[in-house]
């Protein structure tokens, strides 16, 4: 591989960036702690594509959204979410699409914790009428690990706590058409509401 011919510094940068992508699934252009990694991947895309192809992964670089996403070609290594986590993820995607329509390209998508709870309460899930604080905190922490969200306030359980949503939420379950994605989310949420979905849902690549 061409990386073997690079300098020690370049090899180390490649190694750390590749590991970050493996550990976090998404690398973002507009996230401070991954911006340089995103640029490095874009500048060396062929090296990363070749490397991850050997490992059985497909790397997707979406420069319009500023997202690098990693997918296991064999479909293994998926993160299995609990039903409540899947519902919250779908709600986050729905909110992202709704908010994005109201903002300019450079504006960040930020929602309040209360908005997430409001969407959830609209579903009238009989088995769990409310999201308890521990579950909500742990779920946001999980999605933060995968660079899908970040909390702007320390206590995400407060009703006015701000949560930043990243475009990677659109790639957690990929769909090329945002309108279809919007409809699919609503359809899936309705299925959850009617008890037609299983407790576990494969959603994110690890």
C-alpha atoms as a PDB file:
ATOM      1  CA  UNK A   1       0.000   0.000   0.000  1.00  0.00           C
ATOM      2  CA  UNK A   2       1.089   3.557  -0.691  1.00  0.00           C
ATOM      3  CA  UNK A   3       0.896   4.431   3.011  1.00  0.00           C
ATOM      4  CA  UNK A   4       3.933   2.218   3.593  1.00  0.00           C
ATOM      5  CA  UNK A   5       5.970   4.680   1.542  1.00  0.00           C
ATOM      6  CA  UNK A   6       4.893   7.682   3.590  1.00  0.00           C
ATOM      7  CA  UNK A   7       6.825   9.363   6.381  1.00  0.00           C
ATOM      8  CA  UNK A   8       6.619   8.177   9.970  1.00  0.00           C
ATOM      9  CA  UNK A   9       4.439  11.183  10.831  1.00  0.00           C
ATOM     10  CA  UNK A  10       2.029  10.435   7.981  1.00  0.00           C
ATOM     11  CA  UNK A  11       1.858   6.764   8.936  1.00  0.00           C
ATOM     12  CA  UNK A  12       1.036   7.688  12.530  1.00  0.00           C
ATOM     13  CA  UNK A  13      -1.624  10.144  11.384  1.00  0.00           C
ATOM     14  CA  UNK A  14      -3.134   7.466   9.168  1.00  0.00           C
ATOM     15  CA  UNK A  15      -3.123   4.956  12.021  1.00  0.00           C
ATOM     16  CA  UNK A  16      -4.783   7.260  14.545  1.00  0.00           C
ATOM     17  CA  UNK A  17      -7.383   8.496  12.054  1.00  0.00           C
ATOM     18  CA  UNK A  18      -8.249   4.974  10.902  1.00  0.00           C
ATOM     19  CA  UNK A  19      -8.656   3.852  14.510  1.00  0.00           C
ATOM     20  CA  UNK A  20     -10.852   6.852  15.284  1.00  0.00           C
ATOM     21  CA  UNK A  21     -13.104   5.958  12.365  1.00  0.00           C
ATOM     22  CA  UNK A  22     -13.298   2.334  13.502  1.00  0.00           C
ATOM     23  CA  UNK A  23     -14.134   3.353  17.069  1.00  0.00           C
ATOM     24  CA  UNK A  24     -16.619   6.121  16.318  1.00  0.00           C
ATOM     25  CA  UNK A  25     -18.125   5.071  12.973  1.00  0.00           C
ATOM     26  CA  UNK A  26     -18.512   8.680  11.772  1.00  0.00           C
ATOM     27  CA  UNK A  27     -15.984  11.468  11.212  1.00  0.00           C
ATOM     28  CA  UNK A  28     -17.404  14.970  10.778  1.00  0.00           C
ATOM     29  CA  UNK A  29     -16.169  18.091   9.038  1.00  0.00           C
ATOM     30  CA  UNK A  30     -18.062  20.458  11.335  1.00  0.00           C
ATOM     31  CA  UNK A  31     -17.048  18.881  14.640  1.00  0.00           C
ATOM     32  CA  UNK A  32     -14.013  20.486  16.235  1.00  0.00           C
ATOM     33  CA  UNK A  33     -12.308  17.300  17.394  1.00  0.00           C
ATOM     34  CA  UNK A  34     -12.755  15.465  14.061  1.00  0.00           C
ATOM     35  CA  UNK A  35     -12.379  18.280  11.512  1.00  0.00           C
ATOM     36  CA  UNK A  36      -8.680  17.620  10.887  1.00  0.00           C
ATOM     37  CA  UNK A  37      -9.333  13.884  10.624  1.00  0.00           C
ATOM     38  CA  UNK A  38     -12.063  14.558   8.067  1.00  0.00           C
ATOM     39  CA  UNK A  39      -9.720  16.699   5.973  1.00  0.00           C
ATOM     40  CA  UNK A  40      -6.962  14.071   6.189  1.00  0.00           C
ATOM     41  CA  UNK A  41      -9.339  11.322   5.016  1.00  0.00           C
ATOM     42  CA  UNK A  42     -10.609  13.423   2.098  1.00  0.00           C
ATOM     43  CA  UNK A  43      -7.042  14.248   1.058  1.00  0.00           C
ATOM     44  CA  UNK A  44      -6.030  10.565   1.256  1.00  0.00           C
ATOM     45  CA  UNK A  45      -9.293   8.944   0.275  1.00  0.00           C
ATOM     46  CA  UNK A  46      -7.769   6.273  -1.974  1.00  0.00           C
ATOM     47  CA  UNK A  47      -5.494   5.063   0.825  1.00  0.00           C
ATOM     48  CA  UNK A  48      -8.401   4.815   3.246  1.00  0.00           C
ATOM     49  CA  UNK A  49     -10.664   3.122   0.698  1.00  0.00           C
ATOM     50  CA  UNK A  50      -7.987   0.529  -0.072  1.00  0.00           C
ATOM     51  CA  UNK A  51      -7.155  -0.059   3.585  1.00  0.00           C
ATOM     52  CA  UNK A  52     -10.724  -0.520   4.775  1.00  0.00           C
ATOM     53  CA  UNK A  53     -11.580  -2.647   1.732  1.00  0.00           C
ATOM     54  CA  UNK A  54      -8.960  -5.135   2.938  1.00  0.00           C
ATOM     55  CA  UNK A  55     -10.698  -5.188   6.327  1.00  0.00           C
ATOM     56  CA  UNK A  56     -14.118  -5.767   4.782  1.00  0.00           C
ATOM     57  CA  UNK A  57     -15.420  -2.244   5.257  1.00  0.00           C
ATOM     58  CA  UNK A  58     -16.810   0.339   2.865  1.00  0.00           C
ATOM     59  CA  UNK A  59     -15.894   3.937   3.535  1.00  0.00           C
ATOM     60  CA  UNK A  60     -18.338   6.593   2.340  1.00  0.00           C
ATOM     61  CA  UNK A  61     -17.194  10.187   2.003  1.00  0.00           C
ATOM     62  CA  UNK A  62     -20.087  12.602   1.616  1.00  0.00           C
ATOM     63  CA  UNK A  63     -18.587  16.038   1.106  1.00  0.00           C
ATOM     64  CA  UNK A  64     -21.978  17.715   0.757  1.00  0.00           C
ATOM     65  CA  UNK A  65     -22.921  16.676   4.300  1.00  0.00           C
ATOM     66  CA  UNK A  66     -19.327  16.736   5.573  1.00  0.00           C
ATOM     67  CA  UNK A  67     -19.508  13.151   6.823  1.00  0.00           C
ATOM     68  CA  UNK A  68     -17.219  10.153   6.540  1.00  0.00           C
ATOM     69  CA  UNK A  69     -19.118   6.962   7.361  1.00  0.00           C
ATOM     70  CA  UNK A  70     -17.875   3.404   7.787  1.00  0.00           C
ATOM     71  CA  UNK A  71     -19.976   0.374   6.853  1.00  0.00           C
ATOM     72  CA  UNK A  72     -19.171  -3.309   7.275  1.00  0.00           C
ATOM     73  CA  UNK A  73     -19.746  -4.936   3.884  1.00  0.00           C
ATOM     74  CA  UNK A  74     -20.710  -8.265   5.447  1.00  0.00           C
ATOM     75  CA  UNK A  75     -23.313  -6.592   7.640  1.00  0.00           C
ATOM     76  CA  UNK A  76     -21.591  -7.688  10.833  1.00  0.00           C
ATOM     77  CA  UNK A  77     -20.411  -5.446  13.653  1.00  0.00           C
ATOM     78  CA  UNK A  78     -23.732  -3.687  13.993  1.00  0.00           C
ATOM     79  CA  UNK A  79     -24.736  -2.032  17.226  1.00  0.00           C
ATOM     80  CA  UNK A  80     -27.994  -3.551  18.409  1.00  0.00           C
ATOM     81  CA  UNK A  81     -30.123  -0.953  20.106  1.00  0.00           C
ATOM     82  CA  UNK A  82     -32.862  -1.480  22.605  1.00  0.00           C
ATOM     83  CA  UNK A  83     -36.325  -0.482  21.472  1.00  0.00           C
ATOM     84  CA  UNK A  84     -36.242   2.787  23.425  1.00  0.00           C
ATOM     85  CA  UNK A  85     -32.829   3.664  21.943  1.00  0.00           C
ATOM     86  CA  UNK A  86     -34.101   2.946  18.438  1.00  0.00           C
ATOM     87  CA  UNK A  87     -37.107   5.180  19.009  1.00  0.00           C
ATOM     88  CA  UNK A  88     -34.924   8.036  20.270  1.00  0.00           C
ATOM     89  CA  UNK A  89     -32.602   7.665  17.274  1.00  0.00           C
ATOM     90  CA  UNK A  90     -35.545   7.855  14.888  1.00  0.00           C
ATOM     91  CA  UNK A  91     -36.857  10.911  16.709  1.00  0.00           C
ATOM     92  CA  UNK A  92     -33.446  12.584  16.423  1.00  0.00           C
ATOM     93  CA  UNK A  93     -33.408  11.942  12.684  1.00  0.00           C
ATOM     94  CA  UNK A  94     -36.908  13.326  12.354  1.00  0.00           C
ATOM     95  CA  UNK A  95     -35.999  16.448  14.320  1.00  0.00           C
ATOM     96  CA  UNK A  96     -32.823  16.912  12.284  1.00  0.00           C
ATOM     97  CA  UNK A  97     -34.751  16.869   9.016  1.00  0.00           C
ATOM     98  CA  UNK A  98     -37.394  19.247  10.351  1.00  0.00           C
ATOM     99  CA  UNK A  99     -34.872  21.706  11.797  1.00  0.00           C
ATOM    100  CA  UNK A 100     -32.555  21.552   8.792  1.00  0.00           C
ATOM    101  CA  UNK A 101     -35.323  22.849   6.540  1.00  0.00           C
ATOM    102  CA  UNK A 102     -35.572  26.001   8.662  1.00  0.00           C
ATOM    103  CA  UNK A 103     -31.848  26.802   8.767  1.00  0.00           C
ATOM    104  CA  UNK A 104     -29.164  28.011   6.397  1.00  0.00           C
ATOM    105  CA  UNK A 105     -26.447  25.587   5.358  1.00  0.00           C
ATOM    106  CA  UNK A 106     -23.957  26.991   7.881  1.00  0.00           C
ATOM    107  CA  UNK A 107     -26.302  26.993  10.877  1.00  0.00           C
ATOM    108  CA  UNK A 108     -26.072  24.155  13.394  1.00  0.00           C
ATOM    109  CA  UNK A 109     -29.038  21.935  14.204  1.00  0.00           C
ATOM    110  CA  UNK A 110     -29.761  22.225  17.916  1.00  0.00           C
ATOM    111  CA  UNK A 111     -32.752  20.785  19.747  1.00  0.00           C
ATOM    112  CA  UNK A 112     -33.896  20.885  23.342  1.00  0.00           C
ATOM    113  CA  UNK A 113     -34.288  17.748  25.419  1.00  0.00           C
ATOM    114  CA  UNK A 114     -37.903  18.717  25.884  1.00  0.00           C
ATOM    115  CA  UNK A 115     -38.485  18.551  22.123  1.00  0.00           C
ATOM    116  CA  UNK A 116     -37.306  14.943  22.075  1.00  0.00           C
ATOM    117  CA  UNK A 117     -39.598  14.058  24.965  1.00  0.00           C
ATOM    118  CA  UNK A 118     -42.507  15.807  23.283  1.00  0.00           C
ATOM    119  CA  UNK A 119     -42.045  13.733  20.133  1.00  0.00           C
ATOM    120  CA  UNK A 120     -41.831  10.584  22.218  1.00  0.00           C
ATOM    121  CA  UNK A 121     -44.961  11.434  24.205  1.00  0.00           C
ATOM    122  CA  UNK A 122     -46.861  11.897  20.944  1.00  0.00           C
ATOM    123  CA  UNK A 123     -46.260   8.215  20.195  1.00  0.00           C
ATOM    124  CA  UNK A 124     -48.194   7.111  23.279  1.00  0.00           C
ATOM    125  CA  UNK A 125     -46.022   4.028  23.761  1.00  0.00           C
ATOM    126  CA  UNK A 126     -48.022   1.968  26.259  1.00  0.00           C
ATOM    127  CA  UNK A 127     -45.107  -0.146  27.470  1.00  0.00           C
ATOM    128  CA  UNK A 128     -43.108   2.950  28.421  1.00  0.00           C
ATOM    129  CA  UNK A 129     -45.105   6.164  28.541  1.00  0.00           C
ATOM    130  CA  UNK A 130     -42.090   8.348  29.392  1.00  0.00           C
ATOM    131  CA  UNK A 131     -38.342   8.234  28.904  1.00  0.00           C
ATOM    132  CA  UNK A 132     -36.773   8.076  32.335  1.00  0.00           C
ATOM    133  CA  UNK A 133     -33.753  10.236  33.043  1.00  0.00           C
ATOM    134  CA  UNK A 134     -31.200   7.429  33.297  1.00  0.00           C
ATOM    135  CA  UNK A 135     -32.231   5.867  29.976  1.00  0.00           C
ATOM    136  CA  UNK A 136     -32.235   9.249  28.247  1.00  0.00           C
ATOM    137  CA  UNK A 137     -28.818  10.202  29.634  1.00  0.00           C
ATOM    138  CA  UNK A 138     -27.290   6.837  28.662  1.00  0.00           C
ATOM    139  CA  UNK A 139     -28.799   6.965  25.167  1.00  0.00           C
ATOM    140  CA  UNK A 140     -27.459  10.444  24.459  1.00  0.00           C
ATOM    141  CA  UNK A 141     -24.064   9.301  25.756  1.00  0.00           C
ATOM    142  CA  UNK A 142     -24.161   6.315  23.374  1.00  0.00           C
ATOM    143  CA  UNK A 143     -24.989   8.462  20.344  1.00  0.00           C
ATOM    144  CA  UNK A 144     -22.357  10.969  21.390  1.00  0.00           C
ATOM    145  CA  UNK A 145     -19.784   8.182  21.245  1.00  0.00           C
ATOM    146  CA  UNK A 146     -20.657   7.665  17.580  1.00  0.00           C
ATOM    147  CA  UNK A 147     -20.505  11.373  16.705  1.00  0.00           C
ATOM    148  CA  UNK A 148     -24.240  11.602  16.103  1.00  0.00           C
ATOM    149  CA  UNK A 149     -24.940  14.180  18.808  1.00  0.00           C
ATOM    150  CA  UNK A 150     -23.154  16.306  21.378  1.00  0.00           C
ATOM    151  CA  UNK A 151     -24.620  17.926  24.461  1.00  0.00           C
ATOM    152  CA  UNK A 152     -24.081  21.652  24.939  1.00  0.00           C
ATOM    153  CA  UNK A 153     -25.242  21.512  28.566  1.00  0.00           C
ATOM    154  CA  UNK A 154     -23.854  19.128  31.157  1.00  0.00           C
ATOM    155  CA  UNK A 155     -27.193  17.749  32.368  1.00  0.00           C
ATOM    156  CA  UNK A 156     -29.101  16.505  29.324  1.00  0.00           C
ATOM    157  CA  UNK A 157     -32.089  15.548  31.464  1.00  0.00           C
ATOM    158  CA  UNK A 158     -33.021  19.193  32.018  1.00  0.00           C
ATOM    159  CA  UNK A 159     -35.940  20.213  29.817  1.00  0.00           C
ATOM    160  CA  UNK A 160     -34.018  23.143  28.316  1.00  0.00           C
ATOM    161  CA  UNK A 161     -30.767  21.220  27.801  1.00  0.00           C
ATOM    162  CA  UNK A 162     -29.404  21.803  24.304  1.00  0.00           C
ATOM    163  CA  UNK A 163     -28.339  18.899  22.115  1.00  0.00           C
ATOM    164  CA  UNK A 164     -26.509  19.426  18.842  1.00  0.00           C
ATOM    165  CA  UNK A 165     -27.462  17.037  16.048  1.00  0.00           C
ATOM    166  CA  UNK A 166     -24.940  16.159  13.362  1.00  0.00           C
ATOM    167  CA  UNK A 167     -25.688  15.096   9.755  1.00  0.00           C
ATOM    168  CA  UNK A 168     -24.314  11.653  10.639  1.00  0.00           C
ATOM    169  CA  UNK A 169     -27.776  10.934  12.070  1.00  0.00           C
ATOM    170  CA  UNK A 170     -28.905  10.624   8.438  1.00  0.00           C
ATOM    171  CA  UNK A 171     -26.324   7.902   7.808  1.00  0.00           C
ATOM    172  CA  UNK A 172     -27.032   5.769  10.883  1.00  0.00           C
ATOM    173  CA  UNK A 173     -29.578   4.049   8.666  1.00  0.00           C
ATOM    174  CA  UNK A 174     -28.716   5.358   5.197  1.00  0.00           C
ATOM    175  CA  UNK A 175     -31.274   6.725   2.775  1.00  0.00           C
ATOM    176  CA  UNK A 176     -30.362   8.835  -0.235  1.00  0.00           C
ATOM    177  CA  UNK A 177     -33.632  10.715  -0.371  1.00  0.00           C
ATOM    178  CA  UNK A 178     -34.491  12.971   2.569  1.00  0.00           C
ATOM    179  CA  UNK A 179     -38.192  12.972   1.712  1.00  0.00           C
ATOM    180  CA  UNK A 180     -38.281   9.185   1.679  1.00  0.00           C
ATOM    181  CA  UNK A 181     -36.260   9.187   4.894  1.00  0.00           C
ATOM    182  CA  UNK A 182     -38.753  11.516   6.537  1.00  0.00           C
ATOM    183  CA  UNK A 183     -41.654   9.284   5.474  1.00  0.00           C
ATOM    184  CA  UNK A 184     -39.817   6.124   6.514  1.00  0.00           C
ATOM    185  CA  UNK A 185     -39.177   7.521   9.988  1.00  0.00           C
ATOM    186  CA  UNK A 186     -42.836   8.402  10.452  1.00  0.00           C
ATOM    187  CA  UNK A 187     -43.872   4.973   9.216  1.00  0.00           C
ATOM    188  CA  UNK A 188     -41.453   3.252  11.552  1.00  0.00           C
ATOM    189  CA  UNK A 189     -42.554   5.341  14.504  1.00  0.00           C
ATOM    190  CA  UNK A 190     -46.154   4.405  13.751  1.00  0.00           C
ATOM    191  CA  UNK A 191     -45.169   0.737  13.737  1.00  0.00           C
ATOM    192  CA  UNK A 192     -43.532   1.179  17.126  1.00  0.00           C
ATOM    193  CA  UNK A 193     -46.653   2.887  18.384  1.00  0.00           C
ATOM    194  CA  UNK A 194     -48.770  -0.051  17.197  1.00  0.00           C
ATOM    195  CA  UNK A 195     -46.365  -2.622  18.641  1.00  0.00           C
ATOM    196  CA  UNK A 196     -45.338  -4.038  15.263  1.00  0.00           C
ATOM    197  CA  UNK A 197     -41.566  -3.729  15.754  1.00  0.00           C
ATOM    198  CA  UNK A 198     -39.276  -6.044  17.716  1.00  0.00           C
ATOM    199  CA  UNK A 199     -37.495  -4.866  20.851  1.00  0.00           C
ATOM    200  CA  UNK A 200     -34.115  -4.804  19.091  1.00  0.00           C
ATOM    201  CA  UNK A 201     -33.253  -2.929  15.918  1.00  0.00           C
ATOM    202  CA  UNK A 202     -29.994  -3.043  13.988  1.00  0.00           C
ATOM    203  CA  UNK A 203     -29.125   0.543  13.251  1.00  0.00           C
ATOM    204  CA  UNK A 204     -25.517   1.592  13.421  1.00  0.00           C
ATOM    205  CA  UNK A 205     -22.307   0.108  12.116  1.00  0.00           C
ATOM    206  CA  UNK A 206     -19.459  -0.499  14.556  1.00  0.00           C
END
